[in-house]
Amino acid sequence: MDVAGKLAIARSLKDEGNRLAKEKDYRNAVRKYTKIFAYIRGLNPNAVPITQIMGEHKSGGPDSEESDEIKQLELSANLNIALMWLRLEEYDKSINFCEKALKLDENSVKARFRRGQANLAKNELERAEEDLIWVKNRMPEDAGVKKVLENLAQQKKSTRKNHGQRLR
């Protein structure tokens, strides 16, 4: 299968994952998104060596447009998986995929926002605040960011209050 064929399959898997996510079938969406990696990394689900899978291409691999699409699909898959784990309340898994996304794009607002949300849910308030402030600085008018920051402020206040009661 050539590069274009693998990209077509990866796009189809992404679309199927998106459909499943809309239906709130988050675990099966994760399965679809995860399969994207098998195609964009040159591996099929049966782990055939990359040289057998990539097929012939003028330069021996994807052209620059295909390379850009591969990077975008990998980023999107990591972000989507992070969101599914966030919705499934599997916060450490969500953070892991956010960090993978940030390795691909260190300025990914979605990765920072989702990692902030996951850390907030884990009561890792300083880590959450760091990411959420970073996002707010880039999207100061975003209502979703403002809401999560309000939740963070409430959680910090509650934590201080509970800590104060324990000290008495």
Protein backbone atom coordinates (compact mmCIF):
# COMPACT_ATOMS: atom_id res chain seq x y z
CA MET A 1 0.00 0.00 0.00
CA ASP A 2 1.40 3.41 -0.89
CA VAL A 3 1.55 6.52 1.28
CA ALA A 4 -1.65 7.98 -0.19
CA GLY A 5 -3.53 4.76 0.62
CA LYS A 6 -2.30 4.78 4.22
CA LEU A 7 -3.29 8.41 4.62
CA ALA A 8 -6.77 7.65 3.25
CA ILE A 9 -7.18 4.86 5.81
CA ALA A 10 -5.90 7.11 8.62
CA ARG A 11 -8.38 9.85 7.63
CA SER A 12 -11.18 7.29 7.58
CA LEU A 13 -10.21 6.04 11.05
CA LYS A 14 -10.21 9.61 12.34
CA ASP A 15 -13.68 10.21 10.88
CA GLU A 16 -14.95 6.99 12.44
CA GLY A 17 -13.42 7.95 15.81
CA ASN A 18 -15.08 11.37 15.58
CA ARG A 19 -18.43 9.71 14.88
CA LEU A 20 -18.03 7.40 17.87
CA ALA A 21 -17.00 10.34 20.08
CA LYS A 22 -20.17 12.23 19.10
CA GLU A 23 -22.14 9.14 20.11
CA LYS A 24 -20.26 9.19 23.46
CA ASP A 25 -18.70 5.79 22.68
CA TYR A 26 -15.37 7.02 23.98
CA ARG A 27 -13.57 3.69 24.40
CA ASN A 28 -14.27 2.62 20.84
CA ALA A 29 -13.29 6.09 19.65
CA VAL A 30 -9.92 5.60 21.38
CA ARG A 31 -9.52 2.30 19.53
CA LYS A 32 -10.14 3.98 16.17
CA TYR A 33 -7.85 6.91 16.90
CA THR A 34 -5.11 4.55 18.12
CA LYS A 35 -5.20 2.60 14.85
CA ILE A 36 -4.27 5.81 13.03
CA PHE A 37 -0.74 5.47 14.40
CA ALA A 38 -0.32 2.10 12.69
CA TYR A 39 -0.81 3.75 9.32
CA ILE A 40 0.92 7.09 9.75
CA ARG A 41 3.99 5.61 11.38
CA GLY A 42 4.38 3.12 8.57
CA LEU A 43 3.21 0.15 10.58
CA ASN A 44 0.11 -1.85 10.00
CA PRO A 45 -1.79 -3.55 12.82
CA ASN A 46 0.14 -6.79 12.08
CA ALA A 47 3.50 -5.00 12.55
CA VAL A 48 4.89 -5.62 9.07
CA PRO A 49 8.28 -3.88 8.69
CA ILE A 50 8.14 -0.30 7.48
CA THR A 51 10.06 -1.07 4.29
CA GLN A 52 7.35 -3.51 3.17
CA ILE A 53 4.54 -1.12 3.97
CA MET A 54 5.73 2.20 2.61
CA GLY A 55 5.93 0.93 -0.95
CA GLU A 56 7.79 2.74 -3.69
CA HIS A 57 7.88 6.50 -3.80
CA LYS A 58 10.17 8.81 -5.76
CA SER A 59 12.05 9.86 -2.64
CA GLY A 60 11.47 6.60 -0.77
CA GLY A 61 8.88 8.14 1.53
CA PRO A 62 6.12 10.70 1.76
CA ASP A 63 6.44 14.02 -0.05
CA SER A 64 6.33 17.27 1.95
CA GLU A 65 2.55 17.65 1.66
CA GLU A 66 2.04 14.07 2.84
CA SER A 67 4.56 14.61 5.65
CA ASP A 68 2.59 17.63 6.84
CA GLU A 69 -0.63 15.62 6.77
CA ILE A 70 1.02 12.77 8.67
CA LYS A 71 2.16 15.18 11.39
CA GLN A 72 -1.30 16.75 11.56
CA LEU A 73 -3.01 13.35 11.80
CA GLU A 74 -0.64 12.26 14.55
CA LEU A 75 -1.25 15.49 16.48
CA SER A 76 -5.00 15.20 16.01
CA ALA A 77 -5.05 11.55 17.08
CA ASN A 78 -3.12 12.35 20.27
CA LEU A 79 -5.41 15.28 21.07
CA ASN A 80 -8.55 13.26 20.39
CA ILE A 81 -7.37 10.33 22.50
CA ALA A 82 -6.50 12.76 25.31
CA LEU A 83 -10.03 14.15 25.14
CA MET A 84 -11.60 10.67 25.21
CA TRP A 85 -9.55 9.69 28.28
CA LEU A 86 -10.51 12.99 29.90
CA ARG A 87 -14.19 12.22 29.34
CA LEU A 88 -13.67 8.70 30.69
CA GLU A 89 -12.05 10.25 33.79
CA GLU A 90 -8.76 8.46 33.06
CA TYR A 91 -6.74 11.56 33.83
CA ASP A 92 -3.23 10.12 33.79
CA LYS A 93 -3.86 8.60 30.36
CA SER A 94 -5.22 11.93 29.16
CA ILE A 95 -2.14 13.76 30.41
CA ASN A 96 0.10 11.20 28.70
CA PHE A 97 -1.51 11.86 25.31
CA CYS A 98 -1.43 15.62 25.87
CA GLU A 99 2.30 15.36 26.43
CA LYS A 100 2.70 13.34 23.24
CA ALA A 101 0.81 16.08 21.40
CA LEU A 102 3.03 18.73 22.93
CA LYS A 103 6.12 16.91 21.65
CA LEU A 104 4.67 17.36 18.16
CA ASP A 105 3.53 20.95 18.73
CA GLU A 106 4.79 22.64 21.87
CA ASN A 107 2.32 25.48 21.32
CA SER A 108 -0.78 23.31 21.10
CA VAL A 109 -3.49 25.20 22.96
CA LYS A 110 -5.76 22.14 22.98
CA ALA A 111 -3.06 19.93 24.53
CA ARG A 112 -2.33 22.50 27.25
CA PHE A 113 -6.02 23.05 27.93
CA ARG A 114 -6.81 19.34 28.20
CA ARG A 115 -3.75 18.67 30.34
CA GLY A 116 -4.86 21.55 32.58
CA GLN A 117 -8.34 20.07 32.86
CA ALA A 118 -6.94 16.62 33.70
CA ASN A 119 -4.62 18.03 36.34
CA LEU A 120 -7.49 20.04 37.80
CA ALA A 121 -9.58 16.87 38.03
CA LYS A 122 -6.65 15.18 39.82
CA ASN A 123 -6.45 18.14 42.22
CA GLU A 124 -2.96 18.95 40.90
CA LEU A 125 -3.82 22.63 41.15
CA GLU A 126 -0.41 24.19 40.49
CA ARG A 127 0.12 22.12 37.36
CA ALA A 128 -3.41 22.85 36.21
CA GLU A 129 -2.98 26.56 36.83
CA GLU A 130 0.27 26.70 34.85
CA ASP A 131 -1.36 25.22 31.74
CA LEU A 132 -4.62 27.10 32.08
CA ILE A 133 -2.93 30.48 32.52
CA TRP A 134 -0.78 29.70 29.46
CA VAL A 135 -3.98 28.99 27.48
CA LYS A 136 -5.75 32.08 28.84
CA ASN A 137 -2.86 34.27 27.70
CA ARG A 138 -3.39 33.00 24.16
CA MET A 139 -7.19 32.94 24.25
CA PRO A 140 -8.25 35.62 26.75
CA GLU A 141 -11.88 35.79 25.60
CA ASP A 142 -12.58 32.05 25.41
CA ALA A 143 -15.60 31.19 27.58
CA GLY A 144 -14.51 27.59 28.13
CA VAL A 145 -11.13 28.67 29.43
CA LYS A 146 -12.73 31.23 31.73
CA LYS A 147 -15.10 28.61 33.13
CA VAL A 148 -12.32 26.13 33.88
CA LEU A 149 -10.26 28.89 35.51
CA GLU A 150 -13.27 29.73 37.70
CA ASN A 151 -13.44 26.05 38.69
CA LEU A 152 -9.74 26.16 39.49
CA ALA A 153 -10.20 29.24 41.69
CA GLN A 154 -13.07 27.52 43.55
CA GLN A 155 -11.02 24.38 44.03
CA LYS A 156 -8.04 26.38 45.33
CA LYS A 157 -10.32 28.24 47.75
CA SER A 158 -11.86 24.98 48.96
CA THR A 159 -8.44 23.39 49.37
CA ARG A 160 -7.17 26.36 51.41
CA LYS A 161 -10.32 26.24 53.55
CA ASN A 162 -9.95 22.48 54.17
CA HIS A 163 -6.24 22.88 54.89
CA GLY A 164 -7.00 25.65 57.40
CA GLN A 165 -9.53 23.45 59.21
CA ARG A 166 -7.00 20.64 59.49
CA LEU A 167 -4.49 22.98 61.11
CA ARG A 168 -6.87 23.92 63.93
